[in-house]
Structures are given as structure tokens and as C-alpha cells.
């Protein structure tokens, strides 16, 4: 489909329209990330470029959390990679509904975000790629400016923690976690991951707690996804 025809796609517009509330949240979380990155000592340009390339809040916050604790770049990359491991399963589900050969489908798959994947999901294993494109587009154009605003704000806000800005992203994750804990097994995995993260944050080198908790969660949830 040509670009003009894609722009006129009703599904593209509906995906963008349905994602407007998410785009507002993306702006606010982007600001929170920019402030957190600044507080962790990351150069402002690096934070903005990271948002433009990675475009994954959970992975970016995980990397910044590791760096702010004194962890190495390798540990930060590993933490971000584990956080994004869920996209493998999401990609397998979405892949057949993307267009073209393996290379083009892999390229189109790079724009997947959690919210866009959910909005593109039509149920019964079906996806609309145009709704995916529209949803991601409006989130992307607020995520990057949000990061830039956060970096600038981080230089003038004397104490971001006092304003509770640093709690925006953890609060969003807790809301997502609450929605996922529908049974005792999921609750058990969440508790196990939390315990591992807390214990290793206290006793192990920086960054190990986040990595270990991510592994525990992935291993614990794997049988549920297969079933």
C-alpha cells in the first residue's frame, strides 16, 4: 500500500484516535524518564536518542535504574533486553498479520509497543497492522518530546523525588501488574520476582536484582503462556 493510501486508511485513523489517551500518558512518562535519566547522570542527548531508537519505557527505565545504582553498561543492556523479551512472544502472534517477507515483517515489527499491540488486537488471534501503525505513531510523537522536556526539567527541578515525578512509571507498572494478577499462579510469580529483587538489591552488586527478578518472572510465566 502506498503512503497516501495508508494515510487515508480508516483503520490507521481509528488506531491513532483510540491511542490519544495513551499518547498523553506517553508524554508524561517520557517526562518522568527524562528526569530519571538526568538524575542518573545520563547526557541529555543520549537520553533523547535512546528514546528515539529504543522506544520502550520499561527497558529504558530498567537501564537507567541499573546505571543509577552504579551498575555497568553491560548489566544495563542485559536488564533492558530482558524487559523487552516479552516482545518475542508478542511478535510471534503479530508476525503473520504483517506484510511482505521476513525482512519487511521484522522491520514493521520494530514499531510494536504494549498499548499498540493491544489496540491492534482484534481478538481470536487476529491483528490489524494499520491500527498498529496509527497507534504507535501518536505515542512516538509524544514519547520523544516528553523525554526532551524531562531532561530540561531535570536541570531546573531541585528535587524530582519530592514532587513524586520519579513515581510515575513505577505507578504505571503497578497498575499493569494489578491487571495481570488474575490468578494465584500469576500472583505467586509476582511475589517471587519482588522478593528476589529486594533481597538481591540489598545483598548483591548493583543491577543484579533487576536482572534476576526479570529472569524469575519470565521463567515463572512461561508455562502459562505455553498452556
Foldseek 3Di string as FASTA:
>chain_A
DDPVVLVVDPLLVVLLVVQVVVLVLLLLLLLLLLLLQVVLVHDLVVQLVCCLQQVASQLSVLLSQLSSLVHDNVLSNLLSCLVCPVLVVLLVLCQVVDDDDPVRSVVLSSLDYPVLSVQQDPDPSDGDSSSSNNNSVSNSVSNSVSSNNNNVVSVVPPDVVVVVSNCSVVVVVVVVLVVVCPDPLSVVLVVVLVVQLVVCCVPHRGSPSSSVSSVSNCVSCVVVVVD
